[in-house]
Every structure is written in structure tokens, then in C-alpha cells.
Protein backbone atom coordinates (compact mmCIF):
# COMPACT_ATOMS: atom_id res chain seq x y z
CA UNK A 1 0.04 0.05 -0.11
CA UNK A 2 1.33 3.42 -1.10
CA UNK A 3 0.62 6.33 1.11
CA UNK A 4 1.90 9.90 0.75
CA UNK A 5 3.42 12.10 3.51
CA UNK A 6 0.45 14.37 3.58
CA UNK A 7 -1.77 11.33 3.91
CA UNK A 8 0.31 10.19 6.72
CA UNK A 9 0.17 13.43 8.31
CA UNK A 10 -3.54 13.33 8.33
CA UNK A 11 -4.02 9.90 9.54
CA UNK A 12 -1.21 9.49 12.17
CA UNK A 13 -0.32 12.86 13.97
CA UNK A 14 -3.67 13.47 15.98
CA UNK A 15 -3.39 10.56 18.52
CA UNK A 16 -5.08 12.89 21.08
CA UNK A 17 -8.35 14.73 20.65
CA UNK A 18 -7.94 18.44 19.30
CA UNK A 19 -4.18 18.27 19.54
CA UNK A 20 -2.22 20.23 16.86
CA UNK A 21 -5.51 20.43 14.94
CA UNK A 22 -4.21 23.55 12.91
CA UNK A 23 -1.17 21.96 11.79
CA UNK A 24 -2.60 18.85 10.79
CA UNK A 25 -5.38 20.63 8.84
CA UNK A 26 -3.00 22.75 6.99
CA UNK A 27 -0.67 20.02 6.16
CA UNK A 28 -3.42 17.40 5.03
CA UNK A 29 -5.20 16.90 1.80
CA UNK A 30 -8.45 16.12 3.81
CA UNK A 31 -9.14 19.64 4.67
CA UNK A 32 -12.76 19.06 4.81
CA UNK A 33 -12.45 16.19 7.11
CA UNK A 34 -11.54 15.57 10.69
CA UNK A 35 -8.73 13.03 11.36
CA UNK A 36 -11.35 11.06 13.08
CA UNK A 37 -13.14 10.80 9.81
CA UNK A 38 -10.25 10.07 7.60
CA UNK A 39 -9.21 7.25 10.28
CA UNK A 40 -12.68 5.86 9.99
CA UNK A 41 -12.85 5.89 6.20
CA UNK A 42 -9.51 4.43 5.87
CA UNK A 43 -9.62 1.05 4.12
CA UNK A 44 -7.77 -1.22 6.56
CA UNK A 45 -7.01 -4.73 5.56
CA UNK A 46 -5.56 -7.66 7.23
CA UNK A 47 -6.21 -10.18 10.20
CA UNK A 48 -6.79 -8.71 13.61
CA UNK A 49 -3.63 -9.83 15.43
CA UNK A 50 -4.07 -7.99 18.81
CA UNK A 51 -6.55 -5.74 20.78
CA UNK A 52 -6.25 -4.27 24.21
CA UNK A 53 -6.26 -1.06 26.27
CA UNK A 54 -3.37 1.08 25.87
CA UNK A 55 -2.42 4.54 27.09
CA UNK A 56 -0.57 6.48 24.26
CA UNK A 57 0.93 10.04 23.64
CA UNK A 58 2.84 11.58 20.73
CA UNK A 59 6.32 12.23 21.43
CA UNK A 60 8.43 12.90 18.11
CA UNK A 61 6.92 14.03 14.74
CA UNK A 62 8.48 14.53 11.42
CA UNK A 63 7.42 17.76 9.73
CA UNK A 64 8.85 19.14 6.59
CA UNK A 65 12.03 16.63 6.71
CA UNK A 66 12.73 17.55 10.28
CA UNK A 67 12.11 15.67 13.82
CA UNK A 68 10.69 17.69 16.59
CA UNK A 69 8.92 17.13 19.79
CA UNK A 70 5.16 16.89 19.54
CA UNK A 71 3.35 20.09 20.75
CA UNK A 72 1.18 18.37 23.17
CA UNK A 73 2.20 15.25 24.80
CA UNK A 74 -0.44 14.33 27.13
CA UNK A 75 -1.58 10.62 27.75
CA UNK A 76 -4.97 9.25 26.71
CA UNK A 77 -6.36 5.92 26.61
CA UNK A 78 -7.82 3.99 23.82
CA UNK A 79 -9.03 0.47 22.98
CA UNK A 80 -6.20 -0.38 20.64
CA UNK A 81 -6.69 -3.19 17.77
CA UNK A 82 -3.65 -4.26 15.42
CA UNK A 83 -5.25 -5.21 12.14
CA UNK A 84 -2.66 -6.13 9.55
CA UNK A 85 0.12 -3.45 9.93
CA UNK A 86 -2.29 -0.77 11.38
CA UNK A 87 -2.96 0.24 14.81
CA UNK A 88 -6.48 1.39 14.99
CA UNK A 89 -7.46 3.61 18.20
CA UNK A 90 -11.10 3.44 19.35
CA UNK A 91 -12.48 5.55 22.09
CA UNK A 92 -13.59 3.84 25.12
CA UNK A 93 -14.90 4.33 28.62
CA UNK A 94 -12.88 1.52 30.49
CA UNK A 95 -9.89 -0.69 30.22
CA UNK A 96 -11.85 -3.70 29.85
CA UNK A 97 -13.35 -2.28 26.48
CA UNK A 98 -17.10 -2.79 27.60
CA UNK A 99 -18.35 0.13 25.46
CA UNK A 100 -16.02 0.93 22.27
CA UNK A 101 -17.13 3.13 19.76
CA UNK A 102 -17.65 1.42 16.30
CA UNK A 103 -15.42 3.62 14.31
CA UNK A 104 -11.80 4.37 15.00
CA UNK A 105 -10.82 7.94 16.00
CA UNK A 106 -7.23 7.69 14.91
CA UNK A 107 -4.50 5.18 13.32
CA UNK A 108 -0.92 4.74 12.88
CA UNK A 109 0.63 2.61 9.99
CA UNK A 110 3.39 0.47 11.66
CA UNK A 111 4.67 -1.14 8.54
CA UNK A 112 8.40 -1.00 8.90
CA UNK A 113 8.35 0.18 12.44
CA UNK A 114 10.70 -0.60 15.47
CA UNK A 115 9.24 -1.26 18.92
CA UNK A 116 11.36 -0.97 22.00
CA UNK A 117 10.90 -1.29 25.85
CA UNK A 118 11.61 1.71 27.84
CA UNK A 119 11.83 0.26 31.54
CA UNK A 120 13.89 3.53 32.49
CA UNK A 121 10.84 5.81 32.01
CA UNK A 122 11.02 8.03 35.15
CA UNK A 123 7.26 8.29 36.03
CA UNK A 124 5.39 5.05 34.57
CA UNK A 125 5.61 1.36 34.23
CA UNK A 126 5.25 -0.92 31.38
CA UNK A 127 6.29 1.78 28.82
CA UNK A 128 7.28 1.04 25.17
CA UNK A 129 8.29 3.07 22.21
CA UNK A 130 6.79 2.72 18.76
CA UNK A 131 9.17 4.36 15.93
CA UNK A 132 7.52 4.48 12.64
CA UNK A 133 9.19 4.18 9.02
CA UNK A 134 7.88 7.81 8.58
CA UNK A 135 10.16 9.13 11.37
CA UNK A 136 7.35 9.43 14.07
CA UNK A 137 7.82 8.22 17.44
CA UNK A 138 4.89 7.48 19.95
CA UNK A 139 4.99 6.10 23.62
CA UNK A 140 2.63 3.50 24.85
CA UNK A 141 1.77 2.37 28.43
CA UNK A 142 0.50 -1.33 28.66
CA UNK A 143 -1.49 -2.55 31.85
CA UNK A 144 1.37 -5.18 32.63
CA UNK A 145 4.60 -6.61 31.62
CA UNK A 146 3.18 -9.51 29.68
CA UNK A 147 0.77 -7.35 27.57
CA UNK A 148 3.87 -5.04 26.86
CA UNK A 149 5.88 -8.00 25.46
CA UNK A 150 2.85 -9.28 23.53
CA UNK A 151 2.25 -5.86 21.83
CA UNK A 152 5.81 -5.64 20.89
CA UNK A 153 6.03 -9.37 19.59
CA UNK A 154 2.47 -8.97 17.76
CA UNK A 155 3.56 -5.54 15.78
CA UNK A 156 7.15 -7.03 15.07
CA UNK A 157 5.48 -10.02 13.68
CA UNK A 158 3.07 -8.25 11.65
CA UNK A 159 5.95 -6.12 10.27
CA UNK A 160 7.87 -9.31 9.42
CA UNK A 161 4.97 -10.80 7.76
CA UNK A 162 4.47 -7.49 5.55
CA UNK A 163 8.39 -7.56 4.85
CA UNK A 164 8.04 -10.96 3.15
CA UNK A 165 4.75 -10.12 1.45
CA UNK A 166 6.14 -7.05 -0.18
CA UNK A 167 8.96 -9.27 -1.69
CA UNK A 168 6.56 -11.88 -2.79
CA UNK A 169 8.09 -14.47 -0.43
CA UNK A 170 6.35 -16.91 2.16
CA UNK A 171 9.30 -18.23 4.13
CA UNK A 172 9.60 -15.10 6.44
CA UNK A 173 12.13 -16.34 8.82
CA UNK A 174 14.64 -17.58 5.98
CA UNK A 175 14.04 -14.26 4.08
CA UNK A 176 15.12 -12.23 7.18
CA UNK A 177 18.24 -14.59 8.02
CA UNK A 178 19.27 -14.02 4.38
CA UNK A 179 18.64 -10.20 4.28
CA UNK A 180 20.56 -9.80 7.56
CA UNK A 181 23.59 -11.87 6.27
CA UNK A 182 23.36 -9.64 3.08
CA UNK A 183 23.29 -6.63 5.32
CA UNK A 184 26.30 -7.93 7.34
CA UNK A 185 28.32 -8.45 4.08
CA UNK A 186 27.37 -4.87 2.91
CA UNK A 187 28.65 -3.61 6.36
CA UNK A 188 31.82 -5.22 6.15
CA UNK A 189 32.46 -3.95 2.61
CA UNK A 190 31.88 -0.56 3.57
CA UNK A 191 33.85 -0.45 6.76
CA UNK A 192 36.86 -1.82 4.48
CA UNK A 193 36.32 0.88 1.93
CA UNK A 194 36.00 3.53 4.43
CA UNK A 195 39.17 2.40 6.35
CA UNK A 196 41.05 2.37 2.96
CA UNK A 197 39.89 6.07 2.37
CA UNK A 198 41.06 7.07 5.76
CA UNK A 199 44.41 5.41 5.27
CA UNK A 200 44.64 7.30 1.84
CA UNK A 201 43.58 10.56 3.40
CA UNK A 202 46.31 10.23 5.97
CA UNK A 203 49.21 10.39 3.26
CA UNK A 204 47.56 12.92 0.77
CA UNK A 205 48.74 16.44 1.06
CA UNK A 206 46.64 18.22 -1.58
CA UNK A 207 43.74 19.84 0.12
CA UNK A 208 41.31 19.48 -2.80
CA UNK A 209 41.92 15.65 -2.86
CA UNK A 210 41.58 15.36 0.96
CA UNK A 211 38.44 17.01 0.83
CA UNK A 212 37.08 14.87 -1.73
CA UNK A 213 38.20 11.72 0.37
CA UNK A 214 36.60 13.45 3.42
CA UNK A 215 33.30 13.87 1.40
CA UNK A 216 33.39 10.08 0.38
CA UNK A 217 34.21 9.05 4.11
CA UNK A 218 31.12 10.92 5.41
CA UNK A 219 28.87 9.25 2.79
CA UNK A 220 30.14 5.85 3.90
CA UNK A 221 29.54 6.58 7.54
CA UNK A 222 25.92 7.71 6.75
CA UNK A 223 25.43 4.54 4.62
CA UNK A 224 26.86 2.51 7.44
CA UNK A 225 24.45 4.02 9.99
CA UNK A 226 21.53 3.20 7.79
CA UNK A 227 22.69 -0.28 7.37
CA UNK A 228 23.07 -0.89 10.91
CA UNK A 229 19.57 0.54 11.68
CA UNK A 230 18.14 -1.88 8.88
CA UNK A 231 19.95 -4.62 10.21
CA UNK A 232 18.82 -4.04 13.80
CA UNK A 233 15.09 -3.63 12.66
CA UNK A 234 15.20 -6.80 10.93
CA UNK A 235 16.60 -8.64 13.90
CA UNK A 236 13.77 -7.27 15.98
CA UNK A 237 11.49 -8.91 13.58
CA UNK A 238 13.47 -12.10 13.48
CA UNK A 239 13.32 -12.31 17.27
CA UNK A 240 9.50 -11.88 17.28
CA UNK A 241 9.29 -14.99 15.15
CA UNK A 242 11.75 -16.95 17.34
CA UNK A 243 10.15 -15.96 20.55
CA UNK A 244 13.82 -14.55 21.43
CA UNK A 245 15.02 -11.56 23.42
CA UNK A 246 15.22 -8.35 21.50
CA UNK A 247 18.62 -6.99 20.38
CA UNK A 248 19.86 -4.36 22.66
CA UNK A 249 20.07 -1.15 20.73
CA UNK A 250 22.87 0.34 22.99
CA UNK A 251 25.03 -2.66 22.09
CA UNK A 252 24.42 -2.14 18.37
CA UNK A 253 25.38 1.69 18.75
CA UNK A 254 28.58 0.70 20.44
CA UNK A 255 29.60 -1.70 17.76
CA UNK A 256 28.75 1.42 15.22
CA UNK A 257 31.10 3.47 17.30
CA UNK A 258 33.90 0.88 17.45
CA UNK A 259 33.80 0.46 13.73
CA UNK A 260 33.82 4.09 13.08
């Protein structure tokens, strides 16, 4: 499914009622609609993988190719349903979901997303973060640790299935293993090329040549960071299929620093 950045802004930025309404309206092609109407009319396909009560708040939003803090970051409770690779947010009057509205108020597309538990949150327990492929980030609070882990695994599993489906493959685990291996080879190759360029730069005296080499080194560093992020994302998906422990992003970051 293709979705433009404007469509994404309309559908995913207003997680709390009446928040940032003006900026969403200005950026959205649905100028005659509210975000709730757009979410309710969005054609969501796929099986229901998970449902339950979650508290959610916006954290980081990408606007005009920049990441910034959401202006209003209050927590709000919803009955949340994961259908395919879409999170649907239904207003409800209780954590048990006894009276849930028939149409979703908001939605977030999670295809290509990464989930991470945040045990170090200073004020709340059972917090996890959703980072979308669009560059937005949201915080969620689950009712308990088991539900937190179930949500993380469910979303990662849905993303893994979508990853295979986009490539026309059925063996999701095998495909992830192959792609992770391919990324590892690409990382090793870029590291060697970058190291050779740094060695060459150390013996070159011409300033223009040194500048050209430095520009290439920076490009390799950016590419290495992108490859590491992609590999980390796929490892998260693979862990959800194998019921394993999620990779540690801090360890992955330290490996990147050591290689640089």
C-alpha cells in the first residue's frame, strides 16, 4: 500500500483529541475532514492480531523533513486494535473495553516500524516506544509486563509478515536471515572501503583531494548507519518469530562507534 507524507500526516499525527489541529489541517489533503473521519474511512485490510487497552501519547513527529517534539504530549487511553500493519484507536469508557465506539478515532501505520521497551521511564511502568518508518515516535503504556511483550511481539510479527509479502516470499524467517546476512556483508564491505579511504587521506597532502576523500568517508559513515539501523530492525522482527529476546540497541550503537 502506497501512502504519501500528507496522507500519513492526516492519519497518524492526531493521537489525542484536538491536539495540533491547525497544523494537521494545513498539512493534510483532507481539509474538509477531521482526522477521526479520515481514520474511520481508511480502508484497513488484514487479520486482527492483537487488541487491548493502551495509554498513548505523541512524542516525536516528522514535519517538513525535520524531527521535532510533539507540541502536546498528554497521555490518553484507547482500545487499540492491530489489524494487519495498522493500529486502530477506538475511544472507550474503560480498560475492559466494554463500550467501544464502532469507528476508530485515529490510526498509525506500523509497516517497517521498530518497537522498544523503555523500562527506564521516570514516571510510568510498562512503557514501550513505537518508531514508525515515517520518522514519528509514540509512547505506549501497557497494563502489565506480559501485555507489553505481547504488543511488541505482535507488531514486530506483523511487520515481518509484511516484509516478506512485499517481496513476494512466504518463508519469512528464512528471508529475514538472508537479508540480515546480506546487510552484514554490505557493512563489512563499506567498513573496509572507509578504512582504505582514511588511510589514503592520511598520506595525501593536496587539500582538494583530501576534501574529496573526506566527503566520500562521510557518505560511507551515513550508509553504515543506515545499514546498521536496517539490520537492527530486521533482527527485531526475527526475534519476534523465534520468541527470543530483542537485540539491545545500545550494544548495536556501541558496535557502530567501535567500527567508526
